[in-house]
Amino acid sequence: MKKPRNKKYQPKGKCTNPLGMFGGMGSTHVDQLRQTQTLNHLAMVDMAQGRGSREQWNRIVGAINMANVMCEMGIGDEFRRVTIAARDAMLAVGKRAVRNEDRFVFTGPELQSVNEALDCHDAQLENSRSIDIDRAADAVVHRVRHRINSTSVMREIRKDAA
């Protein structure tokens, strides 16, 4: 006599995207990419018009940091000069904002360099795999948490005062 089965049968799940393991762009990832790019550019518009907040400044700094990491990964390495100039511009804007009660005001060259860097970041995102984007985002989080190659506005102000 055969022993009865003591647990319910559960079939294996179906793979909806068999090429997903190669890091391709799925439709949900493309939608998320568009939403992120839209939020980045809306934040930049508010910053350029003088209505920027600390949250929007952090969003743009995060995009520029991610562009720098992607350059180091070899994705859009030709944009490295532009992204470094934008990083320096955002640092200068952050220093002024701390002194001016969180009013984020750009000079002309700073605004131009940050806009160029956001365009470069958009090009990097368009031409890279989703797995590379995820790795770059993880690298940015790791660097910020462990203060690896990170620049703190408050630390820079203290250094300038000393």
Protein backbone atom coordinates (compact mmCIF):
# COMPACT_ATOMS: atom_id res chain seq x y z
CA MET A 1 0.00 0.00 0.00
CA LYS A 2 1.30 3.48 -0.92
CA LYS A 3 1.81 6.02 1.85
CA PRO A 4 -0.47 9.10 1.48
CA ARG A 5 1.09 12.49 0.79
CA ASN A 6 1.23 14.61 3.95
CA LYS A 7 1.52 18.06 2.37
CA LYS A 8 -0.36 19.98 -0.27
CA TYR A 9 1.01 20.05 -3.83
CA GLN A 10 2.38 23.44 -4.85
CA PRO A 11 3.59 23.84 -8.42
CA LYS A 12 6.79 25.76 -9.16
CA GLY A 13 6.40 29.38 -10.13
CA LYS A 14 6.59 30.44 -13.76
CA CYS A 15 9.38 32.70 -14.94
CA THR A 16 7.72 35.69 -16.58
CA ASN A 17 11.00 37.17 -17.84
CA PRO A 18 13.50 34.43 -18.71
CA LEU A 19 16.09 36.96 -19.90
CA GLY A 20 15.84 38.95 -16.67
CA MET A 21 18.83 37.13 -15.25
CA PHE A 22 20.98 38.85 -17.86
CA GLY A 23 19.99 42.25 -16.49
CA GLY A 24 17.84 43.50 -19.33
CA MET A 25 15.28 46.26 -19.06
CA GLY A 26 11.87 45.00 -18.09
CA SER A 27 8.78 47.11 -18.71
CA THR A 28 8.41 47.95 -15.01
CA HIS A 29 12.02 49.08 -14.88
CA VAL A 30 11.53 51.42 -17.85
CA ASP A 31 8.50 52.98 -16.15
CA GLN A 32 10.45 53.47 -12.94
CA LEU A 33 13.33 54.99 -14.92
CA ARG A 34 10.99 57.54 -16.55
CA GLN A 35 9.49 58.44 -13.18
CA THR A 36 12.92 58.93 -11.61
CA GLN A 37 14.11 61.11 -14.50
CA THR A 38 10.96 63.21 -14.29
CA LEU A 39 11.39 63.74 -10.53
CA ASN A 40 15.06 64.68 -11.01
CA HIS A 41 14.25 67.28 -13.65
CA LEU A 42 11.31 68.70 -11.70
CA ALA A 43 13.59 69.07 -8.69
CA MET A 44 16.13 70.86 -10.87
CA VAL A 45 13.46 73.23 -12.22
CA ASP A 46 12.41 74.15 -8.67
CA MET A 47 16.04 74.63 -7.64
CA ALA A 48 16.74 76.86 -10.65
CA GLN A 49 13.70 79.01 -9.87
CA GLY A 50 14.72 79.48 -6.25
CA ARG A 51 12.00 77.27 -4.75
CA GLY A 52 14.29 74.35 -4.02
CA SER A 53 14.18 72.42 -0.76
CA ARG A 54 16.75 70.27 0.99
CA GLU A 55 14.95 67.15 -0.24
CA GLN A 56 15.26 68.28 -3.86
CA TRP A 57 18.91 69.21 -3.34
CA ASN A 58 19.52 65.71 -1.93
CA ARG A 59 17.78 64.15 -4.95
CA ILE A 60 20.03 66.01 -7.39
CA VAL A 61 23.15 65.24 -5.36
CA GLY A 62 22.16 61.56 -5.39
CA ALA A 63 21.76 61.59 -9.18
CA ILE A 64 25.17 63.22 -9.63
CA ASN A 65 26.78 60.77 -7.20
CA MET A 66 25.25 57.91 -9.14
CA ALA A 67 26.55 59.38 -12.40
CA ASN A 68 30.06 59.54 -10.88
CA VAL A 69 29.88 55.91 -9.76
CA MET A 70 28.64 54.83 -13.17
CA CYS A 71 31.61 56.63 -14.74
CA GLU A 72 33.92 54.68 -12.46
CA MET A 73 32.17 51.47 -13.52
CA GLY A 74 32.97 52.33 -17.14
CA ILE A 75 29.47 53.42 -18.13
CA GLY A 76 29.77 56.81 -19.79
CA ASP A 77 33.35 57.40 -18.70
CA GLU A 78 33.53 60.36 -21.10
CA PHE A 79 31.17 62.24 -18.75
CA ARG A 80 33.52 62.13 -15.77
CA ARG A 81 34.72 65.75 -16.13
CA VAL A 82 31.14 67.02 -16.33
CA THR A 83 29.96 65.05 -13.30
CA ILE A 84 32.91 66.15 -11.17
CA ALA A 85 32.24 69.80 -12.07
CA ALA A 86 28.58 69.32 -11.10
CA ARG A 87 29.58 67.69 -7.81
CA ASP A 88 31.76 70.70 -7.00
CA ALA A 89 28.94 73.07 -8.00
CA MET A 90 26.45 71.29 -5.75
CA LEU A 91 28.94 71.45 -2.88
CA ALA A 92 29.25 75.21 -3.34
CA VAL A 93 25.45 75.60 -3.48
CA GLY A 94 25.12 73.49 -0.33
CA LYS A 95 27.65 75.62 1.53
CA ARG A 96 25.77 78.79 0.60
CA ALA A 97 22.45 77.21 1.58
CA VAL A 98 23.71 76.38 5.07
CA ARG A 99 24.70 80.01 5.55
CA ASN A 100 21.48 81.38 3.96
CA GLU A 101 18.89 79.41 5.95
CA ASP A 102 18.38 76.64 3.35
CA ARG A 103 17.95 78.92 0.34
CA PHE A 104 19.51 77.06 -2.59
CA VAL A 105 20.74 79.64 -5.09
CA PHE A 106 22.81 78.78 -8.16
CA THR A 107 25.20 80.96 -10.08
CA GLY A 108 25.07 80.75 -13.88
CA PRO A 109 28.05 78.40 -14.36
CA GLU A 110 26.90 76.16 -11.48
CA LEU A 111 23.44 75.83 -12.97
CA GLN A 112 24.89 75.03 -16.39
CA SER A 113 27.25 72.35 -15.05
CA VAL A 114 24.51 70.66 -12.99
CA ASN A 115 22.13 70.65 -15.98
CA GLU A 116 24.84 69.09 -18.16
CA ALA A 117 25.50 66.44 -15.51
CA LEU A 118 21.80 65.57 -15.28
CA ASP A 119 21.69 65.17 -19.06
CA CYS A 120 24.74 62.90 -18.86
CA HIS A 121 23.08 60.92 -16.07
CA ASP A 122 19.98 60.47 -18.23
CA ALA A 123 22.15 59.21 -21.09
CA GLN A 124 23.87 56.77 -18.75
CA LEU A 125 20.55 55.43 -17.48
CA GLU A 126 19.19 55.04 -21.01
CA ASN A 127 22.24 53.06 -22.18
CA SER A 128 22.82 50.72 -19.26
CA ARG A 129 21.30 47.50 -17.99
CA SER A 130 19.06 47.46 -14.95
CA ILE A 131 21.54 45.33 -13.02
CA ASP A 132 24.25 47.97 -13.60
CA ILE A 133 21.93 50.71 -12.35
CA ASP A 134 21.16 48.68 -9.23
CA ARG A 135 24.86 48.07 -8.60
CA ALA A 136 25.63 51.77 -8.97
CA ALA A 137 22.84 52.70 -6.55
CA ASP A 138 24.13 50.15 -4.03
CA ALA A 139 27.67 51.53 -4.41
CA VAL A 140 26.44 55.08 -3.71
CA VAL A 141 24.62 53.94 -0.56
CA HIS A 142 27.72 52.03 0.58
CA ARG A 143 29.98 55.03 0.01
CA VAL A 144 27.68 57.42 1.84
CA ARG A 145 27.25 55.09 4.81
CA HIS A 146 30.95 54.40 5.18
CA ARG A 147 32.13 57.88 4.12
CA ILE A 148 34.17 56.56 1.22
CA ASN A 149 34.95 59.38 -1.23
CA SER A 150 32.04 61.34 0.24
CA THR A 151 31.98 65.06 0.75
CA SER A 152 29.95 66.45 3.61
CA VAL A 153 28.89 70.08 3.33
CA MET A 154 29.18 70.63 7.08
CA ARG A 155 32.63 69.02 7.15
CA GLU A 156 33.76 71.30 4.31
CA ILE A 157 32.43 74.39 6.12
CA ARG A 158 34.31 73.40 9.28
CA LYS A 159 37.45 72.83 7.23
CA ASP A 160 37.12 76.26 5.57
CA ALA A 161 36.61 77.93 8.97
CA ALA A 162 39.73 76.32 10.43
